[in-house]
């Protein structure tokens, strides 16, 4: 927050855009806002992905984070694909297009790849690419993956090829950097 003329932080902000045009600013010209600055709303996808990434950052093990749509690269070693569902309760559904599936398959050849299924505000179910392939199958078509969880239990994950052979603890997401 800018300081007033006497160096004290004012109780109200100095910048009041509604009255800016009618007063002379003690600090010079008014700031220039472009339409891009004014409409910088957070998209729903960014909101959910940001919440999932925040859980990882809180663990203190992230030294670098890079976004190469649609994948995140963490610590220059692990690729993360985030899918989100806004549904409030189980089951949550996630669709992987043909192009997304192809990209995941190609990128998983050279690096470890984790898929984070963001289940509304409930949490993130993290599975490896190998787990994903076991339930999604190897067909060259779009697939729907579903995730369910009873209160206080682990996530169950289903795909066209059936259910994953184990349940996924909600805490697995925060531990993906430990492996």
N, C-alpha and C. Protein backbone atom coordinates (compact mmCIF):
# COMPACT_ATOMS: atom_id res chain seq x y z
N UNK A 1 0.85 -1.17 0.00
CA UNK A 1 0.00 0.00 0.00
C UNK A 1 0.89 1.23 0.00
N UNK A 2 0.56 2.24 -0.80
CA UNK A 2 1.41 3.44 -0.85
C UNK A 2 1.31 4.23 0.45
N UNK A 3 2.38 4.95 0.78
CA UNK A 3 2.40 5.78 1.97
C UNK A 3 1.83 7.15 1.66
N UNK A 4 1.25 7.79 2.69
CA UNK A 4 0.77 9.16 2.51
C UNK A 4 1.99 10.08 2.52
N UNK A 5 1.76 11.39 2.36
CA UNK A 5 2.87 12.35 2.28
C UNK A 5 3.73 12.38 3.54
N UNK A 6 3.15 12.09 4.72
CA UNK A 6 3.93 12.15 5.95
C UNK A 6 4.54 10.80 6.31
N UNK A 7 4.47 9.79 5.44
CA UNK A 7 5.10 8.50 5.67
C UNK A 7 4.27 7.52 6.48
N UNK A 8 3.03 7.86 6.78
CA UNK A 8 2.16 7.00 7.57
C UNK A 8 1.23 6.25 6.62
N UNK A 9 1.00 4.95 6.88
CA UNK A 9 0.07 4.19 6.05
C UNK A 9 -1.34 4.66 6.38
N UNK A 10 -2.07 5.14 5.36
CA UNK A 10 -3.42 5.64 5.61
C UNK A 10 -4.38 4.50 5.93
N UNK A 11 -5.48 4.84 6.64
CA UNK A 11 -6.49 3.84 6.95
C UNK A 11 -7.32 3.50 5.73
N UNK A 12 -7.39 4.38 4.78
CA UNK A 12 -8.11 4.11 3.54
C UNK A 12 -7.11 4.17 2.40
N UNK A 13 -7.34 3.42 1.35
CA UNK A 13 -6.39 3.42 0.24
C UNK A 13 -6.29 4.79 -0.41
N UNK A 14 -5.10 5.15 -0.87
CA UNK A 14 -4.91 6.42 -1.55
C UNK A 14 -5.52 6.41 -2.94
N UNK A 15 -5.57 5.25 -3.56
CA UNK A 15 -6.05 5.15 -4.93
C UNK A 15 -7.54 4.86 -4.93
N UNK A 16 -8.31 5.85 -5.31
CA UNK A 16 -9.75 5.70 -5.42
C UNK A 16 -10.08 6.00 -6.87
N UNK A 17 -10.26 4.96 -7.67
CA UNK A 17 -10.44 5.14 -9.11
C UNK A 17 -11.69 5.93 -9.45
N UNK A 18 -12.72 5.86 -8.62
CA UNK A 18 -13.96 6.58 -8.92
C UNK A 18 -13.76 8.09 -8.88
N UNK A 19 -12.89 8.56 -7.99
CA UNK A 19 -12.69 10.01 -7.88
C UNK A 19 -11.38 10.47 -8.50
N UNK A 20 -10.64 9.58 -9.12
CA UNK A 20 -9.31 9.90 -9.65
C UNK A 20 -9.35 11.05 -10.64
N UNK A 21 -10.30 11.03 -11.54
CA UNK A 21 -10.35 12.05 -12.59
C UNK A 21 -10.63 13.43 -12.05
N UNK A 22 -11.29 13.54 -10.90
CA UNK A 22 -11.67 14.85 -10.39
C UNK A 22 -10.64 15.46 -9.45
N UNK A 23 -9.59 14.73 -9.11
CA UNK A 23 -8.58 15.26 -8.19
C UNK A 23 -7.20 15.16 -8.81
N UNK A 24 -6.33 15.98 -8.33
CA UNK A 24 -4.94 15.94 -8.76
C UNK A 24 -4.18 14.99 -7.87
N UNK A 25 -3.47 14.05 -8.43
CA UNK A 25 -2.73 13.06 -7.66
C UNK A 25 -1.42 13.63 -7.17
N UNK A 26 -1.07 13.42 -5.89
CA UNK A 26 0.22 13.88 -5.39
C UNK A 26 1.38 13.05 -5.93
N UNK A 27 1.10 11.91 -6.55
CA UNK A 27 2.18 11.05 -7.03
C UNK A 27 2.32 11.08 -8.54
N UNK A 28 1.63 11.94 -9.23
CA UNK A 28 1.80 12.04 -10.67
C UNK A 28 0.60 11.53 -11.44
N UNK A 29 0.86 11.00 -12.63
CA UNK A 29 -0.20 10.55 -13.53
C UNK A 29 -0.93 9.33 -12.96
N UNK A 30 -2.19 9.17 -13.33
CA UNK A 30 -2.93 7.99 -12.88
C UNK A 30 -2.35 6.74 -13.53
N UNK A 31 -2.53 5.59 -12.88
CA UNK A 31 -2.03 4.36 -13.49
C UNK A 31 -2.80 4.04 -14.75
N UNK A 32 -2.14 3.35 -15.66
CA UNK A 32 -2.78 2.96 -16.91
C UNK A 32 -3.26 1.52 -16.77
N UNK A 33 -4.55 1.32 -16.94
CA UNK A 33 -5.12 -0.01 -16.89
C UNK A 33 -5.58 -0.39 -18.28
N UNK A 34 -5.21 -1.56 -18.71
CA UNK A 34 -5.68 -2.05 -19.99
C UNK A 34 -6.87 -2.97 -19.73
N UNK A 35 -7.59 -3.31 -20.77
CA UNK A 35 -8.73 -4.22 -20.60
C UNK A 35 -8.26 -5.57 -20.08
N UNK A 36 -7.03 -5.94 -20.41
CA UNK A 36 -6.48 -7.21 -19.92
C UNK A 36 -6.30 -7.17 -18.40
N UNK A 37 -5.84 -6.03 -17.86
CA UNK A 37 -5.65 -5.90 -16.41
C UNK A 37 -6.98 -5.92 -15.67
N UNK A 38 -7.98 -5.27 -16.20
CA UNK A 38 -9.26 -5.15 -15.53
C UNK A 38 -10.03 -6.46 -15.55
N UNK A 39 -9.87 -7.26 -16.57
CA UNK A 39 -10.65 -8.49 -16.68
C UNK A 39 -9.83 -9.73 -16.34
N UNK A 40 -8.87 -9.61 -15.46
CA UNK A 40 -8.03 -10.74 -15.07
C UNK A 40 -8.75 -11.61 -14.04
N UNK A 41 -9.85 -12.17 -14.44
CA UNK A 41 -10.58 -13.05 -13.55
C UNK A 41 -9.90 -14.41 -13.50
N UNK A 42 -10.14 -15.13 -12.43
CA UNK A 42 -9.59 -16.47 -12.31
C UNK A 42 -10.57 -17.44 -12.95
N UNK A 43 -10.09 -18.14 -13.94
CA UNK A 43 -10.93 -19.15 -14.59
C UNK A 43 -11.12 -20.33 -13.65
N UNK A 44 -12.20 -21.05 -13.82
CA UNK A 44 -12.51 -22.18 -12.97
C UNK A 44 -11.37 -23.20 -12.96
N UNK A 45 -10.82 -23.49 -14.13
CA UNK A 45 -9.72 -24.44 -14.22
C UNK A 45 -8.53 -23.96 -13.39
N UNK A 46 -8.19 -22.68 -13.48
CA UNK A 46 -7.07 -22.14 -12.72
C UNK A 46 -7.33 -22.22 -11.21
N UNK A 47 -8.57 -22.01 -10.83
CA UNK A 47 -8.95 -22.08 -9.42
C UNK A 47 -8.68 -23.48 -8.86
N UNK A 48 -9.17 -24.50 -9.55
CA UNK A 48 -9.01 -25.87 -9.08
C UNK A 48 -7.56 -26.34 -9.18
N UNK A 49 -6.89 -26.03 -10.29
CA UNK A 49 -5.49 -26.43 -10.43
C UNK A 49 -4.63 -25.72 -9.38
N UNK A 50 -4.92 -24.46 -9.15
CA UNK A 50 -4.17 -23.70 -8.14
C UNK A 50 -4.32 -24.29 -6.75
N UNK A 51 -5.50 -24.74 -6.41
CA UNK A 51 -5.72 -25.35 -5.10
C UNK A 51 -4.92 -26.65 -4.98
N UNK A 52 -4.91 -27.45 -6.03
CA UNK A 52 -4.16 -28.71 -6.00
C UNK A 52 -2.66 -28.43 -5.90
N UNK A 53 -2.16 -27.48 -6.67
CA UNK A 53 -0.74 -27.16 -6.63
C UNK A 53 -0.35 -26.54 -5.28
N UNK A 54 -1.26 -25.78 -4.69
CA UNK A 54 -1.00 -25.19 -3.38
C UNK A 54 -0.75 -26.28 -2.33
N UNK A 55 -1.47 -27.36 -2.41
CA UNK A 55 -1.25 -28.46 -1.47
C UNK A 55 0.17 -29.01 -1.61
N UNK A 56 0.68 -29.06 -2.82
CA UNK A 56 2.05 -29.54 -3.03
C UNK A 56 3.08 -28.53 -2.53
N UNK A 57 2.84 -27.26 -2.82
CA UNK A 57 3.77 -26.20 -2.43
C UNK A 57 3.91 -26.14 -0.91
N UNK A 58 2.82 -26.34 -0.20
CA UNK A 58 2.87 -26.29 1.27
C UNK A 58 3.82 -27.33 1.84
N UNK A 59 4.06 -28.40 1.11
CA UNK A 59 5.00 -29.43 1.57
C UNK A 59 6.45 -28.99 1.54
N UNK A 60 6.75 -27.90 0.84
CA UNK A 60 8.10 -27.34 0.82
C UNK A 60 9.11 -28.06 -0.06
N UNK A 61 8.65 -28.96 -0.90
CA UNK A 61 9.60 -29.74 -1.71
C UNK A 61 9.67 -29.29 -3.16
N UNK A 62 8.92 -28.28 -3.53
CA UNK A 62 8.94 -27.81 -4.92
C UNK A 62 10.02 -26.75 -5.08
N UNK A 63 10.96 -27.02 -5.99
CA UNK A 63 12.01 -26.05 -6.28
C UNK A 63 11.75 -25.34 -7.61
N UNK A 64 10.94 -25.96 -8.48
CA UNK A 64 10.58 -25.31 -9.74
C UNK A 64 9.24 -25.86 -10.21
N UNK A 65 8.53 -25.00 -10.88
CA UNK A 65 7.22 -25.35 -11.42
C UNK A 65 7.09 -24.67 -12.77
N UNK A 66 6.82 -25.47 -13.79
CA UNK A 66 6.70 -24.96 -15.15
C UNK A 66 5.40 -25.46 -15.76
N UNK A 67 4.72 -24.61 -16.49
CA UNK A 67 3.47 -25.00 -17.13
C UNK A 67 3.67 -25.06 -18.64
N UNK A 68 3.50 -26.24 -19.18
CA UNK A 68 3.53 -26.46 -20.62
C UNK A 68 2.19 -27.12 -20.96
N UNK A 69 1.20 -26.30 -21.30
CA UNK A 69 -0.17 -26.81 -21.45
C UNK A 69 -0.26 -28.11 -22.21
N UNK A 70 -0.98 -29.05 -21.67
CA UNK A 70 -1.78 -29.02 -20.43
C UNK A 70 -1.07 -29.62 -19.23
N UNK A 71 0.25 -29.77 -19.28
CA UNK A 71 0.99 -30.43 -18.20
C UNK A 71 1.83 -29.45 -17.40
N UNK A 72 2.00 -29.77 -16.13
CA UNK A 72 2.92 -29.05 -15.26
C UNK A 72 4.16 -29.92 -15.09
N UNK A 73 5.32 -29.28 -15.06
CA UNK A 73 6.57 -29.97 -14.76
C UNK A 73 7.03 -29.48 -13.40
N UNK A 74 7.22 -30.41 -12.47
CA UNK A 74 7.63 -30.06 -11.12
C UNK A 74 9.05 -30.53 -10.90
N UNK A 75 9.88 -29.61 -10.42
CA UNK A 75 11.29 -29.89 -10.11
C UNK A 75 12.05 -30.50 -11.30
N UNK A 76 11.66 -30.13 -12.48
CA UNK A 76 12.28 -30.61 -13.72
C UNK A 76 12.32 -32.14 -13.82
N UNK A 77 11.44 -32.83 -13.13
CA UNK A 77 11.50 -34.28 -13.15
C UNK A 77 10.16 -34.99 -13.28
N UNK A 78 9.10 -34.42 -12.76
CA UNK A 78 7.82 -35.11 -12.76
C UNK A 78 6.79 -34.29 -13.53
N UNK A 79 6.06 -34.96 -14.40
CA UNK A 79 4.98 -34.32 -15.15
C UNK A 79 3.67 -34.56 -14.41
N UNK A 80 2.84 -33.54 -14.36
CA UNK A 80 1.55 -33.66 -13.69
C UNK A 80 0.46 -33.19 -14.63
N UNK A 81 -0.52 -34.04 -14.81
CA UNK A 81 -1.72 -33.71 -15.57
C UNK A 81 -2.85 -33.55 -14.56
N UNK A 82 -3.47 -32.38 -14.54
CA UNK A 82 -4.57 -32.14 -13.62
C UNK A 82 -5.89 -32.10 -14.37
N UNK A 83 -6.85 -32.86 -13.89
CA UNK A 83 -8.22 -32.84 -14.41
C UNK A 83 -9.11 -32.49 -13.22
N UNK A 84 -10.15 -31.71 -13.46
CA UNK A 84 -10.99 -31.33 -12.34
C UNK A 84 -12.47 -31.58 -12.62
N UNK A 85 -13.19 -31.81 -11.54
CA UNK A 85 -14.64 -31.92 -11.57
C UNK A 85 -15.17 -30.94 -10.53
N UNK A 86 -16.17 -30.17 -10.91
CA UNK A 86 -16.74 -29.19 -9.99
C UNK A 86 -17.84 -29.78 -9.12
N UNK A 87 -18.18 -31.00 -9.37
CA UNK A 87 -19.26 -31.64 -8.62
C UNK A 87 -18.92 -31.67 -7.13
N UNK A 88 -19.89 -31.39 -6.31
CA UNK A 88 -19.67 -31.31 -4.87
C UNK A 88 -19.49 -32.65 -4.18
N UNK A 89 -20.11 -33.67 -4.72
CA UNK A 89 -20.08 -34.98 -4.05
C UNK A 89 -19.72 -36.10 -5.02
N UNK A 90 -19.32 -37.20 -4.45
CA UNK A 90 -18.99 -38.41 -5.20
C UNK A 90 -20.25 -38.94 -5.89
N UNK A 91 -20.11 -39.51 -7.08
CA UNK A 91 -18.90 -39.74 -7.86
C UNK A 91 -18.54 -38.53 -8.73
N UNK A 92 -17.27 -38.41 -9.02
CA UNK A 92 -16.76 -37.35 -9.89
C UNK A 92 -16.35 -37.97 -11.21
N UNK A 93 -16.56 -37.23 -12.30
CA UNK A 93 -16.24 -37.75 -13.63
C UNK A 93 -15.21 -36.90 -14.33
N UNK A 94 -14.37 -37.57 -15.13
CA UNK A 94 -13.29 -36.92 -15.85
C UNK A 94 -13.20 -37.52 -17.25
N UNK A 95 -13.14 -36.66 -18.26
CA UNK A 95 -13.04 -37.12 -19.63
C UNK A 95 -11.65 -36.82 -20.17
N UNK A 96 -11.08 -37.80 -20.83
CA UNK A 96 -9.78 -37.66 -21.48
C UNK A 96 -10.02 -37.82 -22.98
N UNK A 97 -9.75 -36.76 -23.74
CA UNK A 97 -9.96 -36.80 -25.19
C UNK A 97 -8.89 -37.66 -25.85
N UNK A 98 -9.09 -37.96 -27.10
CA UNK A 98 -8.11 -38.74 -27.87
C UNK A 98 -6.76 -38.02 -27.88
N UNK A 99 -6.79 -36.71 -28.11
CA UNK A 99 -5.53 -35.94 -28.14
C UNK A 99 -4.84 -35.93 -26.78
N UNK A 100 -5.61 -35.78 -25.71
CA UNK A 100 -5.02 -35.81 -24.37
C UNK A 100 -4.38 -37.16 -24.08
N UNK A 101 -5.07 -38.21 -24.46
CA UNK A 101 -4.55 -39.57 -24.23
C UNK A 101 -3.24 -39.79 -24.99
N UNK A 102 -3.21 -39.33 -26.23
CA UNK A 102 -2.00 -39.48 -27.04
C UNK A 102 -0.84 -38.69 -26.42
N UNK A 103 -1.11 -37.47 -26.00
CA UNK A 103 -0.07 -36.65 -25.38
C UNK A 103 0.45 -37.30 -24.10
N UNK A 104 -0.44 -37.81 -23.26
CA UNK A 104 -0.02 -38.47 -22.02
C UNK A 104 0.86 -39.68 -22.33
N UNK A 105 0.46 -40.46 -23.30
CA UNK A 105 1.21 -41.65 -23.68
C UNK A 105 2.63 -41.27 -24.15
N UNK A 106 2.72 -40.25 -24.98
CA UNK A 106 4.02 -39.82 -25.52
C UNK A 106 4.90 -39.24 -24.41
N UNK A 107 4.33 -38.36 -23.59
CA UNK A 107 5.13 -37.70 -22.56
C UNK A 107 5.55 -38.65 -21.44
N UNK A 108 4.75 -39.70 -21.19
CA UNK A 108 5.08 -40.66 -20.13
C UNK A 108 6.24 -41.57 -20.52
N UNK A 109 6.64 -41.56 -21.77
CA UNK A 109 7.75 -42.41 -22.21
C UNK A 109 9.08 -41.96 -21.61
N UNK A 110 9.24 -40.64 -21.44
CA UNK A 110 10.52 -40.09 -21.01
C UNK A 110 10.58 -39.60 -19.57
N UNK A 111 9.41 -39.42 -18.95
CA UNK A 111 9.37 -38.89 -17.59
C UNK A 111 8.25 -39.55 -16.80
N UNK A 112 8.42 -39.51 -15.51
CA UNK A 112 7.35 -39.96 -14.62
C UNK A 112 6.17 -39.01 -14.76
N UNK A 113 4.98 -39.57 -14.91
CA UNK A 113 3.79 -38.76 -15.11
C UNK A 113 2.72 -39.17 -14.09
N UNK A 114 2.21 -38.19 -13.39
CA UNK A 114 1.15 -38.40 -12.40
C UNK A 114 -0.08 -37.66 -12.86
N UNK A 115 -1.23 -38.30 -12.70
CA UNK A 115 -2.50 -37.66 -13.03
C UNK A 115 -3.21 -37.34 -11.73
N UNK A 116 -3.52 -36.07 -11.54
CA UNK A 116 -4.24 -35.63 -10.36
C UNK A 116 -5.70 -35.39 -10.72
N UNK A 117 -6.58 -36.18 -10.16
CA UNK A 117 -8.02 -36.03 -10.39
C UNK A 117 -8.58 -35.19 -9.26
N UNK A 118 -8.88 -33.93 -9.57
CA UNK A 118 -9.36 -32.99 -8.56
C UNK A 118 -10.86 -33.21 -8.39
N UNK A 119 -11.22 -33.72 -7.23
CA UNK A 119 -12.61 -34.11 -6.95
C UNK A 119 -13.32 -32.99 -6.20
N UNK A 120 -13.71 -31.96 -6.95
CA UNK A 120 -14.37 -30.80 -6.35
C UNK A 120 -13.54 -30.26 -5.21
N UNK A 121 -14.21 -29.96 -4.08
CA UNK A 121 -13.50 -29.47 -2.90
C UNK A 121 -13.09 -30.62 -1.98
N UNK A 122 -13.33 -31.85 -2.39
CA UNK A 122 -13.04 -33.01 -1.54
C UNK A 122 -11.55 -33.32 -1.45
N UNK A 123 -10.83 -33.20 -2.55
CA UNK A 123 -9.41 -33.52 -2.55
C UNK A 123 -8.93 -33.93 -3.92
N UNK A 124 -7.73 -34.48 -3.97
CA UNK A 124 -7.11 -34.89 -5.23
C UNK A 124 -6.74 -36.36 -5.14
N UNK A 125 -7.22 -37.14 -6.09
CA UNK A 125 -6.83 -38.54 -6.20
C UNK A 125 -5.68 -38.61 -7.20
N UNK A 126 -4.52 -39.05 -6.76
CA UNK A 126 -3.33 -39.10 -7.61
C UNK A 126 -3.06 -40.53 -8.05
N UNK A 127 -2.92 -40.70 -9.37
CA UNK A 127 -2.58 -42.01 -9.91
C UNK A 127 -1.43 -41.85 -10.91
N UNK A 128 -0.68 -42.92 -11.06
CA UNK A 128 0.41 -42.90 -12.04
C UNK A 128 -0.19 -43.10 -13.44
N UNK A 129 0.63 -42.82 -14.44
CA UNK A 129 0.19 -43.05 -15.80
C UNK A 129 -0.09 -44.53 -16.03
N UNK A 130 0.69 -45.40 -15.42
CA UNK A 130 0.48 -46.84 -15.55
C UNK A 130 -0.88 -47.24 -14.97
N UNK A 131 -1.24 -46.68 -13.81
CA UNK A 131 -2.56 -46.94 -13.22
C UNK A 131 -3.66 -46.47 -14.17
N UNK A 132 -3.46 -45.28 -14.71
CA UNK A 132 -4.43 -44.72 -15.65
C UNK A 132 -4.62 -45.65 -16.85
N UNK A 133 -3.51 -46.10 -17.42
CA UNK A 133 -3.60 -46.99 -18.60
C UNK A 133 -4.31 -48.30 -18.27
N UNK A 134 -4.13 -48.79 -17.04
CA UNK A 134 -4.76 -50.07 -16.66
C UNK A 134 -6.28 -49.97 -16.60
N UNK A 135 -6.81 -48.79 -16.28
CA UNK A 135 -8.28 -48.65 -16.21
C UNK A 135 -8.86 -47.98 -17.45
N UNK A 136 -8.04 -47.21 -18.18
CA UNK A 136 -8.53 -46.52 -19.37
C UNK A 136 -8.43 -47.40 -20.62
N UNK A 137 -7.56 -48.38 -20.58
CA UNK A 137 -7.37 -49.22 -21.75
C UNK A 137 -6.43 -48.58 -22.76
N UNK A 138 -6.25 -49.25 -23.85
CA UNK A 138 -5.30 -48.80 -24.86
C UNK A 138 -5.97 -48.41 -26.18
N UNK A 139 -7.29 -48.34 -26.17
CA UNK A 139 -8.00 -47.95 -27.40
C UNK A 139 -7.69 -46.50 -27.74
N UNK A 140 -7.85 -46.16 -28.97
CA UNK A 140 -7.61 -44.80 -29.44
C UNK A 140 -8.92 -44.01 -29.48
N UNK A 141 -9.56 -43.91 -28.33
CA UNK A 141 -10.81 -43.16 -28.25
C UNK A 141 -10.84 -42.39 -26.93
N UNK A 142 -11.75 -41.43 -26.84
CA UNK A 142 -11.92 -40.69 -25.60
C UNK A 142 -12.43 -41.65 -24.52
N UNK A 143 -12.04 -41.39 -23.28
CA UNK A 143 -12.50 -42.23 -22.18
C UNK A 143 -13.02 -41.38 -21.03
N UNK A 144 -13.89 -41.99 -20.26
CA UNK A 144 -14.43 -41.36 -19.07
C UNK A 144 -13.92 -42.14 -17.87
N UNK A 145 -13.30 -41.44 -16.94
CA UNK A 145 -12.82 -42.02 -15.69
C UNK A 145 -13.70 -41.48 -14.57
N UNK A 146 -14.10 -42.34 -13.66
CA UNK A 146 -14.89 -41.86 -12.53
C UNK A 146 -14.18 -42.18 -11.23
N UNK A 147 -14.43 -41.34 -10.27
CA UNK A 147 -13.79 -41.45 -8.98
C UNK A 147 -14.88 -41.32 -7.93
N UNK A 148 -14.85 -42.18 -6.94
CA UNK A 148 -15.84 -42.09 -5.88
C UNK A 148 -15.14 -42.23 -4.53
N UNK A 149 -15.82 -41.75 -3.49
CA UNK A 149 -15.26 -41.86 -2.15
C UNK A 149 -16.36 -41.68 -1.13
N UNK A 150 -16.44 -42.60 -0.20
CA UNK A 150 -17.34 -42.44 0.94
C UNK A 150 -16.62 -41.59 1.97
N UNK A 151 -17.39 -40.90 2.79
CA UNK A 151 -16.82 -39.99 3.79
C UNK A 151 -15.76 -40.69 4.64
N UNK A 152 -14.58 -40.11 4.70
CA UNK A 152 -13.51 -40.63 5.51
C UNK A 152 -12.78 -41.84 4.93
N UNK A 153 -13.12 -42.23 3.73
CA UNK A 153 -12.51 -43.41 3.10
C UNK A 153 -11.56 -42.98 1.99
N UNK A 154 -10.95 -43.97 1.32
CA UNK A 154 -10.05 -43.72 0.20
C UNK A 154 -10.85 -43.65 -1.10
N UNK A 155 -10.19 -43.13 -2.15
CA UNK A 155 -10.82 -43.00 -3.46
C UNK A 155 -10.81 -44.33 -4.21
N UNK A 156 -11.92 -44.64 -4.84
CA UNK A 156 -12.00 -45.74 -5.79
C UNK A 156 -12.05 -45.12 -7.18
N UNK A 157 -11.32 -45.68 -8.14
CA UNK A 157 -11.24 -45.09 -9.47
C UNK A 157 -11.58 -46.15 -10.51
N UNK A 158 -12.52 -45.78 -11.41
CA UNK A 158 -13.02 -46.68 -12.45
C UNK A 158 -12.76 -46.11 -13.83
N UNK A 159 -12.58 -47.00 -14.79
CA UNK A 159 -12.47 -46.63 -16.19
C UNK A 159 -13.14 -47.70 -17.02
N UNK A 160 -13.06 -47.58 -18.34
CA UNK A 160 -13.69 -48.55 -19.23
C UNK A 160 -13.19 -49.99 -19.01
N UNK A 161 -11.97 -50.13 -18.51
CA UNK A 161 -11.40 -51.46 -18.29
C UNK A 161 -11.64 -51.98 -16.88
N UNK A 162 -12.41 -51.24 -16.08
CA UNK A 162 -12.71 -51.70 -14.73
C UNK A 162 -12.16 -50.79 -13.65
N UNK A 163 -12.17 -51.32 -12.43
CA UNK A 163 -11.73 -50.54 -11.27
C UNK A 163 -10.24 -50.74 -11.02
N UNK A 164 -9.58 -49.68 -10.58
CA UNK A 164 -8.18 -49.78 -10.18
C UNK A 164 -8.07 -50.82 -9.07
N UNK A 165 -7.01 -51.59 -9.06
CA UNK A 165 -6.88 -52.73 -8.15
C UNK A 165 -6.70 -52.36 -6.68
N UNK A 166 -6.66 -51.09 -6.36
CA UNK A 166 -6.53 -50.64 -4.97
C UNK A 166 -7.20 -49.27 -4.83
N UNK A 167 -7.49 -48.90 -3.61
CA UNK A 167 -8.04 -47.58 -3.32
C UNK A 167 -6.87 -46.61 -3.15
N UNK A 168 -7.14 -45.33 -3.42
CA UNK A 168 -6.11 -44.30 -3.34
C UNK A 168 -6.39 -43.40 -2.15
N UNK A 169 -5.44 -43.32 -1.23
CA UNK A 169 -5.58 -42.44 -0.06
C UNK A 169 -5.52 -40.99 -0.51
N UNK A 170 -6.34 -40.12 0.10
CA UNK A 170 -6.27 -38.69 -0.26
C UNK A 170 -4.89 -38.09 -0.04
N UNK A 171 -4.11 -38.62 0.87
CA UNK A 171 -2.79 -38.09 1.18
C UNK A 171 -1.73 -38.41 0.12
N UNK A 172 -2.04 -39.32 -0.80
CA UNK A 172 -1.08 -39.69 -1.84
C UNK A 172 -0.69 -38.46 -2.68
N UNK A 173 -1.63 -37.59 -2.93
CA UNK A 173 -1.36 -36.39 -3.75
C UNK A 173 -0.22 -35.57 -3.13
N UNK A 174 -0.25 -35.36 -1.85
CA UNK A 174 0.78 -34.53 -1.22
C UNK A 174 2.13 -35.24 -1.15
N UNK A 175 2.17 -36.53 -1.44
CA UNK A 175 3.42 -37.28 -1.37
C UNK A 175 3.99 -37.64 -2.75
N UNK A 176 3.46 -37.08 -3.82
CA UNK A 176 3.93 -37.48 -5.16
C UNK A 176 5.39 -37.13 -5.40
N UNK A 177 5.93 -36.16 -4.68
CA UNK A 177 7.32 -35.77 -4.88
C UNK A 177 8.29 -36.65 -4.08
N UNK A 178 7.78 -37.52 -3.24
CA UNK A 178 8.64 -38.35 -2.40
C UNK A 178 9.18 -39.57 -3.13
N UNK A 179 8.51 -40.03 -4.14
CA UNK A 179 8.94 -41.26 -4.82
C UNK A 179 10.17 -41.08 -5.64
